[in-house]
Structure formats: structure tokens, C-alpha cells
C-alpha atoms as a PDB file:
ATOM      1  CA  MET A   1      22.113  -0.492  -5.392  1.00  0.00           C
ATOM      2  CA  ASN A   2      18.374  -0.913  -6.066  1.00  0.00           C
ATOM      3  CA  LYS A   3      17.686  -1.400  -2.359  1.00  0.00           C
ATOM      4  CA  THR A   4      19.802   1.658  -1.505  1.00  0.00           C
ATOM      5  CA  ILE A   5      17.758   3.828  -3.862  1.00  0.00           C
ATOM      6  CA  PHE A   6      14.535   2.462  -2.408  1.00  0.00           C
ATOM      7  CA  ALA A   7      15.742   3.139   1.147  1.00  0.00           C
ATOM      8  CA  ILE A   8      16.444   6.762   0.167  1.00  0.00           C
ATOM      9  CA  LEU A   9      12.877   7.080  -1.159  1.00  0.00           C
ATOM     10  CA  ILE A  10      11.533   5.813   2.166  1.00  0.00           C
ATOM     11  CA  MET A  11      13.625   8.384   4.094  1.00  0.00           C
ATOM     12  CA  VAL A  12      12.313  11.153   1.842  1.00  0.00           C
ATOM     13  CA  PHE A  13       8.770   9.932   2.484  1.00  0.00           C
ATOM     14  CA  VAL A  14       9.241  10.030   6.262  1.00  0.00           C
ATOM     15  CA  SER A  15      10.834  13.493   6.071  1.00  0.00           C
ATOM     16  CA  MET A  16       7.877  14.752   4.042  1.00  0.00           C
ATOM     17  CA  ASN A  17       5.481  13.490   6.720  1.00  0.00           C
ATOM     18  CA  LEU A  18       7.364  15.273   9.485  1.00  0.00           C
ATOM     19  CA  ALA A  19       7.631  18.514   7.555  1.00  0.00           C
ATOM     20  CA  ALA A  20       3.942  18.479   6.668  1.00  0.00           C
ATOM     21  CA  GLN A  21       2.995  18.355  10.341  1.00  0.00           C
ATOM     22  CA  ASP A  22       4.707  21.723  10.901  1.00  0.00           C
ATOM     23  CA  ASP A  23       3.379  23.676   7.934  1.00  0.00           C
ATOM     24  CA  GLY A  24       0.197  24.853   9.652  1.00  0.00           C
ATOM     25  CA  TYR A  25      -1.934  23.958   6.663  1.00  0.00           C
ATOM     26  CA  TYR A  26      -5.157  23.019   8.437  1.00  0.00           C
ATOM     27  CA  GLU A  27      -7.449  25.728   9.707  1.00  0.00           C
ATOM     28  CA  GLY A  28     -10.244  25.091  12.171  1.00  0.00           C
ATOM     29  CA  SER A  29     -13.750  26.539  12.306  1.00  0.00           C
ATOM     30  CA  TYR A  30     -15.294  28.126  15.411  1.00  0.00           C
ATOM     31  CA  ASN A  31     -17.891  26.017  17.161  1.00  0.00           C
ATOM     32  CA  GLU A  32     -20.351  28.134  19.174  1.00  0.00           C
ATOM     33  CA  ASP A  33     -21.575  25.184  21.227  1.00  0.00           C
ATOM     34  CA  ASN A  34     -18.333  24.459  23.043  1.00  0.00           C
ATOM     35  CA  ASN A  35     -16.131  27.463  22.150  1.00  0.00           C
ATOM     36  CA  VAL A  36     -13.436  25.306  20.587  1.00  0.00           C
ATOM     37  CA  GLU A  37     -12.272  24.835  17.047  1.00  0.00           C
ATOM     38  CA  ALA A  38     -13.874  21.949  15.154  1.00  0.00           C
ATOM     39  CA  THR A  39     -11.041  20.912  12.859  1.00  0.00           C
ATOM     40  CA  ASN A  40     -11.841  17.323  11.914  1.00  0.00           C
ATOM     41  CA  TYR A  41     -13.315  16.205   8.618  1.00  0.00           C
ATOM     42  CA  THR A  42     -16.900  14.957   8.465  1.00  0.00           C
ATOM     43  CA  THR A  43     -17.825  11.383   7.632  1.00  0.00           C
ATOM     44  CA  SER A  44     -16.839  10.947   3.997  1.00  0.00           C
ATOM     45  CA  VAL A  45     -16.549   8.368   1.218  1.00  0.00           C
ATOM     46  CA  GLY A  46     -14.667   8.346  -2.057  1.00  0.00           C
ATOM     47  CA  ALA A  47     -12.184   6.587  -4.306  1.00  0.00           C
ATOM     48  CA  GLN A  48      -8.425   6.063  -4.344  1.00  0.00           C
ATOM     49  CA  LEU A  49      -5.886   5.181  -7.044  1.00  0.00           C
ATOM     50  CA  ILE A  50      -2.256   4.534  -6.091  1.00  0.00           C
ATOM     51  CA  TRP A  51       0.591   2.843  -7.951  1.00  0.00           C
ATOM     52  CA  GLY A  52       4.173   1.861  -7.206  1.00  0.00           C
ATOM     53  CA  GLY A  53       6.620  -0.962  -6.733  1.00  0.00           C
ATOM     54  CA  GLY A  54       9.408  -2.277  -4.567  1.00  0.00           C
ATOM     55  CA  PHE A  55      11.409  -5.375  -3.776  1.00  0.00           C
ATOM     56  CA  SER A  56      11.297  -8.456  -1.571  1.00  0.00           C
ATOM     57  CA  TRP A  57      12.967  -7.574   1.717  1.00  0.00           C
ATOM     58  CA  SER A  58      13.241 -11.199   2.889  1.00  0.00           C
ATOM     59  CA  LYS A  59      16.200 -13.490   2.244  1.00  0.00           C
ATOM     60  CA  ALA A  60      16.318 -14.514  -1.417  1.00  0.00           C
ATOM     61  CA  PHE A  61      16.283 -18.069  -2.681  1.00  0.00           C
ATOM     62  CA  PRO A  62      19.803 -19.607  -2.830  1.00  0.00           C
ATOM     63  CA  GLY A  63      21.571 -18.455  -5.963  1.00  0.00           C
ATOM     64  CA  TYR A  64      19.169 -15.559  -6.582  1.00  0.00           C
ATOM     65  CA  ASN A  65      19.056 -11.830  -5.786  1.00  0.00           C
ATOM     66  CA  SER A  66      15.949  -9.732  -5.205  1.00  0.00           C
ATOM     67  CA  THR A  67      15.316  -6.992  -7.780  1.00  0.00           C
ATOM     68  CA  VAL A  68      13.120  -3.908  -7.855  1.00  0.00           C
ATOM     69  CA  SER A  69       9.810  -4.382  -9.660  1.00  0.00           C
ATOM     70  CA  LEU A  70       6.913  -2.115 -10.630  1.00  0.00           C
ATOM     71  CA  ASN A  71       3.296  -3.236 -10.311  1.00  0.00           C
ATOM     72  CA  ASN A  72       1.626  -3.624 -13.687  1.00  0.00           C
ATOM     73  CA  LEU A  73      -1.671  -2.243 -12.375  1.00  0.00           C
ATOM     74  CA  PRO A  74      -2.533   0.356  -9.712  1.00  0.00           C
ATOM     75  CA  ASP A  75      -4.537  -0.224  -6.548  1.00  0.00           C
ATOM     76  CA  ILE A  76      -8.135   0.879  -7.208  1.00  0.00           C
ATOM     77  CA  THR A  77     -10.229   1.065  -4.054  1.00  0.00           C
ATOM     78  CA  ALA A  78     -13.292   2.655  -2.518  1.00  0.00           C
ATOM     79  CA  VAL A  79     -12.339   4.584   0.636  1.00  0.00           C
ATOM     80  CA  GLY A  80     -14.144   5.989   3.643  1.00  0.00           C
ATOM     81  CA  TYR A  81     -13.364   8.161   6.650  1.00  0.00           C
ATOM     82  CA  LEU A  82     -15.078   8.005  10.042  1.00  0.00           C
ATOM     83  CA  PRO A  83     -14.163  10.889  12.390  1.00  0.00           C
ATOM     84  CA  ILE A  84     -13.620  10.113  16.077  1.00  0.00           C
ATOM     85  CA  SER A  85     -13.179  13.629  17.476  1.00  0.00           C
ATOM     86  CA  SER A  86     -14.397  17.080  16.444  1.00  0.00           C
ATOM     87  CA  GLN A  87     -11.395  18.998  17.833  1.00  0.00           C
ATOM     88  CA  ILE A  88      -8.540  17.134  16.108  1.00  0.00           C
ATOM     89  CA  LYS A  89      -8.135  15.353  12.788  1.00  0.00           C
ATOM     90  CA  PHE A  90      -8.399  11.855  14.222  1.00  0.00           C
ATOM     91  CA  GLY A  91     -10.461   9.000  12.813  1.00  0.00           C
ATOM     92  CA  ILE A  92     -10.623   5.667  11.033  1.00  0.00           C
ATOM     93  CA  LEU A  93      -9.832   5.147   7.341  1.00  0.00           C
ATOM     94  CA  GLY A  94     -11.248   2.159   5.504  1.00  0.00           C
ATOM     95  CA  GLU A  95     -10.818   0.838   1.981  1.00  0.00           C
ATOM     96  CA  VAL A  96     -11.952  -2.061  -0.192  1.00  0.00           C
ATOM     97  CA  GLY A  97     -11.084  -2.959  -3.776  1.00  0.00           C
ATOM     98  CA  ILE A  98      -8.332  -4.281  -6.035  1.00  0.00           C
ATOM     99  CA  MET A  99      -4.805  -4.316  -4.574  1.00  0.00           C
ATOM    100  CA  SER A 100      -1.560  -5.245  -6.311  1.00  0.00           C
ATOM    101  CA  THR A 101       1.923  -6.294  -5.338  1.00  0.00           C
ATOM    102  CA  SER A 102       4.958  -7.685  -7.147  1.00  0.00           C
ATOM    103  CA  TYR A 103       8.501  -8.916  -6.651  1.00  0.00           C
ATOM    104  CA  GLY A 104      11.475  -9.656  -8.847  1.00  0.00           C
ATOM    105  CA  SER A 105      14.460 -11.989  -8.722  1.00  0.00           C
ATOM    106  CA  ALA A 106      17.506 -12.719 -10.876  1.00  0.00           C
ATOM    107  CA  PRO A 107      20.214 -15.412 -10.820  1.00  0.00           C
ATOM    108  CA  GLU A 108      23.485 -14.305  -9.251  1.00  0.00           C
ATOM    109  CA  TYR A 109      25.349 -15.393 -12.386  1.00  0.00           C
ATOM    110  CA  ASN A 110      23.111 -13.316 -14.710  1.00  0.00           C
ATOM    111  CA  THR A 111      21.551 -10.296 -12.988  1.00  0.00           C
ATOM    112  CA  LYS A 112      19.934  -9.117 -16.235  1.00  0.00           C
ATOM    113  CA  ASN A 113      17.786 -12.243 -16.455  1.00  0.00           C
ATOM    114  CA  VAL A 114      15.052 -10.836 -14.208  1.00  0.00           C
ATOM    115  CA  THR A 115      11.871 -12.748 -13.418  1.00  0.00           C
ATOM    116  CA  THR A 116       8.986 -10.609 -12.152  1.00  0.00           C
ATOM    117  CA  THR A 117       5.896 -11.979 -10.422  1.00  0.00           C
ATOM    118  CA  GLN A 118       2.691  -9.930 -10.265  1.00  0.00           C
ATOM    119  CA  VAL A 119      -0.205 -10.721  -7.901  1.00  0.00           C
ATOM    120  CA  LYS A 120      -3.662  -9.126  -7.722  1.00  0.00           C
ATOM    121  CA  TYR A 121      -5.963  -9.307  -4.698  1.00  0.00           C
ATOM    122  CA  ILE A 122      -9.479  -8.367  -3.736  1.00  0.00           C
ATOM    123  CA  GLY A 123      -8.830  -6.832  -0.362  1.00  0.00           C
ATOM    124  CA  PHE A 124      -9.874  -4.511   2.405  1.00  0.00           C
ATOM    125  CA  GLY A 125      -7.998  -2.444   4.927  1.00  0.00           C
ATOM    126  CA  ALA A 126      -8.392  -0.222   7.972  1.00  0.00           C
ATOM    127  CA  SER A 127      -6.110   2.434   9.435  1.00  0.00           C
ATOM    128  CA  ALA A 128      -5.920   4.862  12.305  1.00  0.00           C
ATOM    129  CA  TYR A 129      -5.649   8.412  10.929  1.00  0.00           C
ATOM    130  CA  TYR A 130      -4.181  11.462  12.638  1.00  0.00           C
ATOM    131  CA  SER A 131      -3.656  14.808  10.927  1.00  0.00           C
ATOM    132  CA  GLY A 132      -2.674  13.310   7.586  1.00  0.00           C
ATOM    133  CA  ILE A 133      -0.621  10.354   8.826  1.00  0.00           C
ATOM    134  CA  TYR A 134      -2.257   6.929   8.896  1.00  0.00           C
ATOM    135  CA  ALA A 135      -1.146   3.418   9.838  1.00  0.00           C
ATOM    136  CA  GLY A 136      -3.009   0.138   9.534  1.00  0.00           C
ATOM    137  CA  MET A 137      -3.360  -3.244   7.852  1.00  0.00           C
ATOM    138  CA  ASN A 138      -4.534  -4.714   4.540  1.00  0.00           C
ATOM    139  CA  TYR A 139      -5.959  -8.196   4.071  1.00  0.00           C
ATOM    140  CA  GLY A 140      -6.523  -9.675   0.626  1.00  0.00           C
ATOM    141  CA  PHE A 141      -7.606 -12.783  -1.283  1.00  0.00           C
ATOM    142  CA  PRO A 142      -5.628 -13.703  -4.435  1.00  0.00           C
ATOM    143  CA  LEU A 143      -7.420 -12.961  -7.714  1.00  0.00           C
ATOM    144  CA  SER A 144      -4.692 -13.643 -10.279  1.00  0.00           C
ATOM    145  CA  GLY A 145      -0.966 -14.083 -10.670  1.00  0.00           C
ATOM    146  CA  SER A 146       1.556 -14.005 -13.481  1.00  0.00           C
ATOM    147  CA  ARG A 147       5.284 -14.440 -13.951  1.00  0.00           C
ATOM    148  CA  SER A 148       7.266 -12.758 -16.725  1.00  0.00           C
ATOM    149  CA  ASP A 149      10.856 -12.836 -17.973  1.00  0.00           C
ATOM    150  CA  GLY A 150      12.693 -12.299 -21.221  1.00  0.00           C
ATOM    151  CA  ASN A 151      10.726 -15.124 -22.839  1.00  0.00           C
ATOM    152  CA  GLY A 152       7.263 -13.728 -22.114  1.00  0.00           C
ATOM    153  CA  SER A 153       4.578 -14.033 -19.456  1.00  0.00           C
ATOM    154  CA  THR A 154       2.716 -17.002 -17.993  1.00  0.00           C
ATOM    155  CA  SER A 155      -0.237 -17.193 -15.615  1.00  0.00           C
ATOM    156  CA  ILE A 156       0.070 -18.662 -12.119  1.00  0.00           C
ATOM    157  CA  ALA A 157      -2.796 -20.408 -10.350  1.00  0.00           C
ATOM    158  CA  THR A 158      -4.124 -18.412  -7.409  1.00  0.00           C
ATOM    159  CA  GLU A 159      -3.663 -21.559  -5.293  1.00  0.00           C
ATOM    160  CA  ALA A 160       0.076 -20.828  -5.382  1.00  0.00           C
ATOM    161  CA  PHE A 161      -0.397 -17.765  -3.161  1.00  0.00           C
ATOM    162  CA  VAL A 162      -1.434 -17.263   0.431  1.00  0.00           C
ATOM    163  CA  LYS A 163      -3.767 -14.500   1.549  1.00  0.00           C
ATOM    164  CA  LEU A 164      -2.204 -11.031   1.652  1.00  0.00           C
ATOM    165  CA  ILE A 165      -1.431  -9.594   5.087  1.00  0.00           C
ATOM    166  CA  GLU A 166       0.450  -6.318   5.033  1.00  0.00           C
ATOM    167  CA  PHE A 167       1.165  -3.324   7.239  1.00  0.00           C
ATOM    168  CA  LYS A 168       0.804   0.116   5.685  1.00  0.00           C
ATOM    169  CA  LEU A 169       2.029   3.556   6.682  1.00  0.00           C
ATOM    170  CA  GLY A 170       1.003   6.579   4.670  1.00  0.00           C
ATOM    171  CA  TYR A 171       0.311  10.271   4.402  1.00  0.00           C
ATOM    172  CA  ASP A 172      -2.573  12.166   2.785  1.00  0.00           C
ATOM    173  CA  TYR A 173      -1.448  15.637   1.697  1.00  0.00           C
ATOM    174  CA  PRO A 174      -4.418  17.910   0.874  1.00  0.00           C
ATOM    175  CA  ILE A 175      -4.259  19.417  -2.614  1.00  0.00           C
ATOM    176  CA  TRP A 176      -7.741  20.957  -2.504  1.00  0.00           C
ATOM    177  CA  GLU A 177     -10.590  20.909  -0.037  1.00  0.00           C
ATOM    178  CA  ASP A 178     -14.030  22.439   0.364  1.00  0.00           C
ATOM    179  CA  PRO A 179     -16.014  21.951   3.618  1.00  0.00           C
ATOM    180  CA  ALA A 180     -19.233  21.492   1.643  1.00  0.00           C
ATOM    181  CA  LYS A 181     -17.956  19.291  -1.197  1.00  0.00           C
ATOM    182  CA  GLY A 182     -14.959  17.259  -0.127  1.00  0.00           C
ATOM    183  CA  ARG A 183     -11.208  17.054  -0.544  1.00  0.00           C
ATOM    184  CA  LEU A 184      -8.548  15.876  -2.987  1.00  0.00           C
ATOM    185  CA  ASN A 185      -5.356  14.405  -1.519  1.00  0.00           C
ATOM    186  CA  PHE A 186      -1.964  13.350  -2.779  1.00  0.00           C
ATOM    187  CA  VAL A 187      -1.170   9.958  -1.231  1.00  0.00           C
ATOM    188  CA  ALA A 188       2.229   8.474  -0.363  1.00  0.00           C
ATOM    189  CA  GLN A 189       2.235   5.012   1.190  1.00  0.00           C
ATOM    190  CA  ILE A 190       4.619   2.260   2.271  1.00  0.00           C
ATOM    191  CA  ASN A 191       3.327  -1.339   2.238  1.00  0.00           C
ATOM    192  CA  PHE A 192       5.167  -4.017   4.200  1.00  0.00           C
ATOM    193  CA  THR A 193       4.130  -7.651   3.624  1.00  0.00           C
ATOM    194  CA  MET A 194       4.005  -9.498   6.933  1.00  0.00           C
ATOM    195  CA  ALA A 195       4.404 -13.047   5.580  1.00  0.00           C
ATOM    196  CA  GLY A 196       5.719 -14.793   2.483  1.00  0.00           C
ATOM    197  CA  LEU A 197       3.344 -14.726  -0.489  1.00  0.00           C
ATOM    198  CA  LEU A 198       3.939 -18.298  -1.654  1.00  0.00           C
ATOM    199  CA  LEU A 199       2.490 -21.522  -0.305  1.00  0.00           C
ATOM    200  CA  ASN A 200       4.876 -24.226   0.839  1.00  0.00           C
ATOM    201  CA  ASP A 201       4.014 -26.316  -2.209  1.00  0.00           C
ATOM    202  CA  LEU A 202       6.927 -26.772  -4.610  1.00  0.00           C
ATOM    203  CA  THR A 203       4.684 -27.914  -7.460  1.00  0.00           C
ATOM    204  CA  LEU A 204       2.943 -24.532  -7.459  1.00  0.00           C
ATOM    205  CA  SER A 205       5.284 -22.011  -5.964  1.00  0.00           C
ATOM    206  CA  VAL A 206       8.846 -22.259  -7.211  1.00  0.00           C
ATOM    207  CA  PRO A 207      10.019 -19.834  -9.924  1.00  0.00           C
ATOM    208  CA  LYS A 208      10.887 -22.727 -12.267  1.00  0.00           C
ATOM    209  CA  PRO A 209       9.587 -26.327 -12.214  1.00  0.00           C
ATOM    210  CA  GLY A 210      12.163 -28.723 -10.781  1.00  0.00           C
ATOM    211  CA  ASP A 211      14.011 -26.190  -8.617  1.00  0.00           C
ATOM    212  CA  GLU A 212      14.324 -27.620  -5.112  1.00  0.00           C
ATOM    213  CA  PHE A 213      13.856 -24.456  -3.082  1.00  0.00           C
ATOM    214  CA  ASN A 214      12.723 -24.403   0.510  1.00  0.00           C
ATOM    215  CA  VAL A 215       9.692 -22.124   0.173  1.00  0.00           C
ATOM    216  CA  GLN A 216       9.064 -22.106   3.897  1.00  0.00           C
ATOM    217  CA  ARG A 217      12.498 -20.656   4.643  1.00  0.00           C
ATOM    218  CA  PHE A 218      13.041 -18.550   1.524  1.00  0.00           C
ATOM    219  CA  ASN A 219       9.888 -16.706   0.550  1.00  0.00           C
ATOM    220  CA  PHE A 220       8.989 -13.398  -1.046  1.00  0.00           C
ATOM    221  CA  GLN A 221       7.812 -10.536   1.185  1.00  0.00           C
ATOM    222  CA  PRO A 222       7.448  -7.319  -0.857  1.00  0.00           C
ATOM    223  CA  LEU A 223       8.249  -3.911   0.605  1.00  0.00           C
ATOM    224  CA  GLN A 224       6.564  -1.356  -1.641  1.00  0.00           C
ATOM    225  CA  PHE A 225       6.305   2.408  -2.027  1.00  0.00           C
ATOM    226  CA  LYS A 226       3.127   3.729  -3.678  1.00  0.00           C
ATOM    227  CA  VAL A 227       1.878   7.179  -4.656  1.00  0.00           C
ATOM    228  CA  GLY A 228      -1.389   8.445  -6.084  1.00  0.00           C
ATOM    229  CA  LEU A 229      -4.567  10.391  -5.387  1.00  0.00           C
ATOM    230  CA  ASN A 230      -7.793  10.017  -3.475  1.00  0.00           C
ATOM    231  CA  TYR A 231     -10.971  12.067  -3.301  1.00  0.00           C
ATOM    232  CA  PHE A 232     -13.452  12.121  -0.425  1.00  0.00           C
ATOM    233  CA  PHE A 233     -17.038  13.359  -0.733  1.00  0.00           C
ATOM    234  CA  ASN A 234     -18.306  14.908   2.498  1.00  0.00           C
ATOM    235  CA  MET A 235     -21.533  13.406   3.817  1.00  0.00           C
ATOM    236  CA  ALA A 236     -23.351  16.309   5.483  1.00  0.00           C
ATOM    237  CA  GLY A 237     -25.400  15.301   8.492  1.00  0.00           C
ATOM    238  CA  PHE A 238     -23.436  12.109   9.232  1.00  0.00           C
ATOM    239  CA  SER A 239     -21.039  12.205  12.179  1.00  0.00           C
ATOM    240  CA  SER A 240     -19.701   9.792  14.800  1.00  0.00           C
ATOM    241  CA  TYR A 241     -19.168  12.468  17.475  1.00  0.00           C
END
């Protein structure tokens, strides 16, 4: 049921992207030099805050089910935009900062006994951007980890986790923009982890000491949906075209 609800959210997200492309929101400005509309944003930098959660899409450990989890902290990153063309909104998005992911699991015999693992990374990412839609990759180094259940929370050594490699697909919907000052966007993003988060080291990685799980075959790969805001400050006089 949790995965069904999450799948519906993803379909709504995709539908929103498609609808936004047809709303005619963006307006271009006349460029006297080449008699065409210059519609792209200028080079800009800013900050982004997004938060969300999801579930592990990969096959669960034997005897366990994946559960939906929410990240305990948002992603807080510095962002930048480098335009490629002056006629269309096409460019490169970059970000660097603190990134979060999480996953949950519960025994098949007691689905209410949920264990949630939270992982924080210092990471960076790059995406190709076109008219609001962007797609790219994140790469991160583990900063901290914790595991919590009904009995409390315990820390996990960062050595238990591999480096984060994830694909991301998102949409920036403009809430407010000023050509001289910048723009404020609502952000909706899907993050898809490309590889399992745990090392193949049973002394570090299993949910409970003594469990003989095959970490290489059964690993956690979060699929997450995140929403939030970003703001870009326009940098007048800086352009890549």
C-alpha cells in the first residue's frame, strides 16, 4: 500500500511537469542584436532547501518488507545556473551541500516494528536543465548515519556506507521572478539511488548484529520524492553565450 501511494505521487509529479510546459508562463525579451527573443536566465547562484522521503525499491532482506520513511533533515545546498543558449531556457544546474536519504524496513511477522536508517552526505550534483525540467546525478560522501526503532536511536559508523550515487529528475516551477534581482522556484524532485547504500561487511552493515544477511544481494536503494524551494540571484554581466 505504501509503495502504491508513492507511485501515485510520482505520476502526479510527472503530470505536473507536462502541464507546466503548456501553460505559456515564460515570456521572452526582444533582442535588437539578432531580432530574436532572449528567453534564458542569466548566470545565477543561490540556495536550495528540499525535504522528503521514500522507500527502498530493491529486493528486501529475507523476512523483511521495505517501508516508507521520511528524512529527518532536509537537503541544504548552494546552487548555480549556467546558461547555454540565449534563445531557449537551456543550461547546466549545479549544487553542493548537505544531502539526506533514508530507508525503512519491518519484519514480515510484525509490520509495526519499523526500523528506519538515516544517512547524511556532503555531496555535489550536476543536471541538464530545459525550460523548468532538469535531469542529472548526485555524488556524495557519508557524513553520519543512524538507525532508530521503537527502542530509540543509535549511531552508525560512516564506514558502513558506500558513497552516494543517485539519478535525479526534477522541475523548478517559478513562483516569482525579476530580471534584475532573481527568481524564487518551487522544486519537486525524484531521487533514484543507483547502488545499494551498505558495504558488503556484515559486522557493520546488517540491521541487527548476528543476522546473516547477504548484503551484496539484498541491499537498500532508496527511491525518494522531495519538495522545497530555491532562490537564484542573477549575476548581471556574467554569461556563457
